[in-house]
Amino acid sequence: MVTNLTVGTHLIGTPWMPHLEGVIVIFEDVGEAPYRVDRILTQWRNAGLLDNVAGVACSRFSLMGKNTLPGDLSMGEILENRLGGLGVPLVVNLPIGHDLPNQALPLVQQARLDGRRGRLSLLP
């Protein structure tokens, strides 16, 4: 499942929220401060939505403007803190989402996520 983190969060509890069991979830977003991403990912974790995923991948989560304050955790720290303990592969900083280069991902495609090498590969 590929989703904008904020938009996907608005699907929680609706009939349009897909089942995520055995799925690689790929999050992207732009312009969200790390504390907001922390809050949103905490909601996903607390709702149990990531309990049975096959893996998680994330875009660069680029910031626009000054959305951080001194002492805030970095986006990388937030992603590792919220997603690193799931016991599944985690890959961050993929070239997807709003910034260039932007590699398009198909919505329904089998893939392999290699957390050690930081790669997402589409399978034939």
C-alpha atoms as a PDB file:
ATOM      1  CA  MET A   1       0.000   0.000   0.000  1.00  0.00           C
ATOM      2  CA  VAL A   2       1.400   3.380  -0.998  1.00  0.00           C
ATOM      3  CA  THR A   3      -0.113   6.366   0.785  1.00  0.00           C
ATOM      4  CA  ASN A   4       0.427   9.926   1.816  1.00  0.00           C
ATOM      5  CA  LEU A   5       0.699   9.599   5.602  1.00  0.00           C
ATOM      6  CA  THR A   6      -1.787  12.374   6.360  1.00  0.00           C
ATOM      7  CA  VAL A   7      -4.347  11.211   3.789  1.00  0.00           C
ATOM      8  CA  GLY A   8      -3.993   7.569   4.864  1.00  0.00           C
ATOM      9  CA  THR A   9      -4.589   8.586   8.468  1.00  0.00           C
ATOM     10  CA  HIS A  10      -7.934  10.081   7.491  1.00  0.00           C
ATOM     11  CA  LEU A  11      -8.985   6.634   6.199  1.00  0.00           C
ATOM     12  CA  ILE A  12      -8.591   4.990   9.610  1.00  0.00           C
ATOM     13  CA  GLY A  13     -11.985   3.756  10.785  1.00  0.00           C
ATOM     14  CA  THR A  14     -13.634   4.166   7.398  1.00  0.00           C
ATOM     15  CA  PRO A  15     -14.708   1.488   4.900  1.00  0.00           C
ATOM     16  CA  TRP A  16     -11.933   2.702   2.568  1.00  0.00           C
ATOM     17  CA  MET A  17      -9.071   1.744   4.900  1.00  0.00           C
ATOM     18  CA  PRO A  18      -7.397  -1.295   3.316  1.00  0.00           C
ATOM     19  CA  HIS A  19      -6.398  -4.380   5.279  1.00  0.00           C
ATOM     20  CA  LEU A  20      -2.651  -4.258   5.869  1.00  0.00           C
ATOM     21  CA  GLU A  21      -1.877  -7.804   6.976  1.00  0.00           C
ATOM     22  CA  GLY A  22       1.119  -9.086   5.003  1.00  0.00           C
ATOM     23  CA  VAL A  23       1.449  -5.823   3.066  1.00  0.00           C
ATOM     24  CA  ILE A  24       4.463  -3.570   2.587  1.00  0.00           C
ATOM     25  CA  VAL A  25       3.233  -0.130   3.653  1.00  0.00           C
ATOM     26  CA  ILE A  26       4.903   2.823   1.969  1.00  0.00           C
ATOM     27  CA  PHE A  27       4.431   6.257   3.517  1.00  0.00           C
ATOM     28  CA  GLU A  28       5.232   9.609   1.971  1.00  0.00           C
ATOM     29  CA  ASP A  29       4.439  13.162   2.981  1.00  0.00           C
ATOM     30  CA  VAL A  30       5.743  16.671   2.552  1.00  0.00           C
ATOM     31  CA  GLY A  31       5.678  19.728   4.755  1.00  0.00           C
ATOM     32  CA  GLU A  32       4.910  17.893   8.001  1.00  0.00           C
ATOM     33  CA  ALA A  33       7.073  18.658  11.007  1.00  0.00           C
ATOM     34  CA  PRO A  34       8.683  15.690  12.766  1.00  0.00           C
ATOM     35  CA  TYR A  35       6.440  16.096  15.827  1.00  0.00           C
ATOM     36  CA  ARG A  36       3.353  15.793  13.586  1.00  0.00           C
ATOM     37  CA  VAL A  37       4.705  12.678  11.878  1.00  0.00           C
ATOM     38  CA  ASP A  38       5.452  11.278  15.350  1.00  0.00           C
ATOM     39  CA  ARG A  39       1.856  11.919  16.424  1.00  0.00           C
ATOM     40  CA  ILE A  40       0.408  10.354  13.267  1.00  0.00           C
ATOM     41  CA  LEU A  41       2.622   7.249  13.362  1.00  0.00           C
ATOM     42  CA  THR A  42       1.806   6.826  17.053  1.00  0.00           C
ATOM     43  CA  GLN A  43      -1.872   6.733  16.082  1.00  0.00           C
ATOM     44  CA  TRP A  44      -1.179   4.036  13.456  1.00  0.00           C
ATOM     45  CA  ARG A  45       0.772   1.993  16.040  1.00  0.00           C
ATOM     46  CA  ASN A  46      -1.819   2.436  18.793  1.00  0.00           C
ATOM     47  CA  ALA A  47      -4.607   1.428  16.394  1.00  0.00           C
ATOM     48  CA  GLY A  48      -2.719  -1.812  15.680  1.00  0.00           C
ATOM     49  CA  LEU A  49      -2.602  -1.070  11.957  1.00  0.00           C
ATOM     50  CA  LEU A  50       1.093  -1.933  11.647  1.00  0.00           C
ATOM     51  CA  ASP A  51       1.042  -5.087  13.789  1.00  0.00           C
ATOM     52  CA  ASN A  52       1.003  -7.574  10.919  1.00  0.00           C
ATOM     53  CA  VAL A  53       2.570  -5.701   8.004  1.00  0.00           C
ATOM     54  CA  ALA A  54       5.348  -7.341   5.971  1.00  0.00           C
ATOM     55  CA  GLY A  55       7.492  -4.190   5.988  1.00  0.00           C
ATOM     56  CA  VAL A  56       7.475  -0.405   6.030  1.00  0.00           C
ATOM     57  CA  ALA A  57       9.147   2.020   3.649  1.00  0.00           C
ATOM     58  CA  CYS A  58       9.176   5.817   3.743  1.00  0.00           C
ATOM     59  CA  SER A  59       9.922   8.666   1.407  1.00  0.00           C
ATOM     60  CA  ARG A  60      12.277  11.500   2.310  1.00  0.00           C
ATOM     61  CA  PHE A  61       9.508  13.286   4.256  1.00  0.00           C
ATOM     62  CA  SER A  62      10.865  16.649   3.171  1.00  0.00           C
ATOM     63  CA  LEU A  63      10.048  19.701   5.226  1.00  0.00           C
ATOM     64  CA  MET A  64       8.838  22.971   3.777  1.00  0.00           C
ATOM     65  CA  GLY A  65       9.697  26.107   5.670  1.00  0.00           C
ATOM     66  CA  LYS A  66      10.595  26.135   9.331  1.00  0.00           C
ATOM     67  CA  ASN A  67       8.562  23.332  10.867  1.00  0.00           C
ATOM     68  CA  THR A  68      11.062  22.321  13.527  1.00  0.00           C
ATOM     69  CA  LEU A  69      12.111  23.841  16.810  1.00  0.00           C
ATOM     70  CA  PRO A  70      15.461  23.587  18.613  1.00  0.00           C
ATOM     71  CA  GLY A  71      15.604  20.282  20.476  1.00  0.00           C
ATOM     72  CA  ASP A  72      13.094  18.530  18.210  1.00  0.00           C
ATOM     73  CA  LEU A  73      13.950  15.020  17.087  1.00  0.00           C
ATOM     74  CA  SER A  74      14.955  14.732  13.454  1.00  0.00           C
ATOM     75  CA  MET A  75      12.624  13.095  10.948  1.00  0.00           C
ATOM     76  CA  GLY A  76      14.991  10.124  10.767  1.00  0.00           C
ATOM     77  CA  GLU A  77      14.884   9.708  14.545  1.00  0.00           C
ATOM     78  CA  ILE A  78      11.084   9.853  14.529  1.00  0.00           C
ATOM     79  CA  LEU A  79      10.782   7.264  11.747  1.00  0.00           C
ATOM     80  CA  GLU A  80      13.240   4.904  13.444  1.00  0.00           C
ATOM     81  CA  ASN A  81      11.595   5.382  16.845  1.00  0.00           C
ATOM     82  CA  ARG A  82       8.036   4.789  15.635  1.00  0.00           C
ATOM     83  CA  LEU A  83       8.690   2.150  12.948  1.00  0.00           C
ATOM     84  CA  GLY A  84      11.966   0.463  13.862  1.00  0.00           C
ATOM     85  CA  GLY A  85      10.550  -1.830  16.542  1.00  0.00           C
ATOM     86  CA  LEU A  86       7.937  -3.540  14.392  1.00  0.00           C
ATOM     87  CA  GLY A  87      10.147  -6.544  13.695  1.00  0.00           C
ATOM     88  CA  VAL A  88       9.853  -6.094   9.929  1.00  0.00           C
ATOM     89  CA  PRO A  89      12.156  -4.538   7.331  1.00  0.00           C
ATOM     90  CA  LEU A  90      12.235  -0.730   7.419  1.00  0.00           C
ATOM     91  CA  VAL A  91      13.625   1.391   4.587  1.00  0.00           C
ATOM     92  CA  VAL A  92      13.647   5.200   4.721  1.00  0.00           C
ATOM     93  CA  ASN A  93      14.552   8.035   2.355  1.00  0.00           C
ATOM     94  CA  LEU A  94      13.222   6.399  -0.791  1.00  0.00           C
ATOM     95  CA  PRO A  95      13.077   8.708  -3.845  1.00  0.00           C
ATOM     96  CA  ILE A  96       9.277   8.763  -3.926  1.00  0.00           C
ATOM     97  CA  GLY A  97       6.687  11.374  -3.071  1.00  0.00           C
ATOM     98  CA  HIS A  98       6.736  15.058  -3.912  1.00  0.00           C
ATOM     99  CA  ASP A  99      10.432  15.864  -4.399  1.00  0.00           C
ATOM    100  CA  LEU A 100      12.664  15.138  -7.366  1.00  0.00           C
ATOM    101  CA  PRO A 101      13.762  12.605  -8.262  1.00  0.00           C
ATOM    102  CA  ASN A 102      10.352  11.023  -7.874  1.00  0.00           C
ATOM    103  CA  GLN A 103      10.092   7.378  -8.848  1.00  0.00           C
ATOM    104  CA  ALA A 104       6.525   6.287  -9.431  1.00  0.00           C
ATOM    105  CA  LEU A 105       5.275   3.174  -7.655  1.00  0.00           C
ATOM    106  CA  PRO A 106       2.409   0.991  -8.848  1.00  0.00           C
ATOM    107  CA  LEU A 107      -0.437   0.568  -6.386  1.00  0.00           C
ATOM    108  CA  VAL A 108      -0.822  -3.199  -6.805  1.00  0.00           C
ATOM    109  CA  GLN A 109       2.503  -4.931  -7.353  1.00  0.00           C
ATOM    110  CA  GLN A 110       4.397  -7.608  -5.481  1.00  0.00           C
ATOM    111  CA  ALA A 111       7.642  -6.264  -4.046  1.00  0.00           C
ATOM    112  CA  ARG A 112      10.592  -7.181  -1.866  1.00  0.00           C
ATOM    113  CA  LEU A 113      11.790  -4.858   0.895  1.00  0.00           C
ATOM    114  CA  ASP A 114      15.421  -5.273   1.945  1.00  0.00           C
ATOM    115  CA  GLY A 115      15.988  -3.426   5.209  1.00  0.00           C
ATOM    116  CA  ARG A 116      19.721  -4.245   5.298  1.00  0.00           C
ATOM    117  CA  ARG A 117      20.427  -2.728   1.902  1.00  0.00           C
ATOM    118  CA  GLY A 118      17.740  -0.047   2.057  1.00  0.00           C
ATOM    119  CA  ARG A 119      16.055  -1.239  -1.139  1.00  0.00           C
ATOM    120  CA  LEU A 120      12.542  -1.724  -2.396  1.00  0.00           C
ATOM    121  CA  SER A 121      12.419  -3.964  -5.470  1.00  0.00           C
ATOM    122  CA  LEU A 122       9.357  -4.642  -7.607  1.00  0.00           C
ATOM    123  CA  LEU A 123       8.893  -8.301  -8.498  1.00  0.00           C
ATOM    124  CA  PRO A 124       7.809  -9.476 -11.965  1.00  0.00           C
END
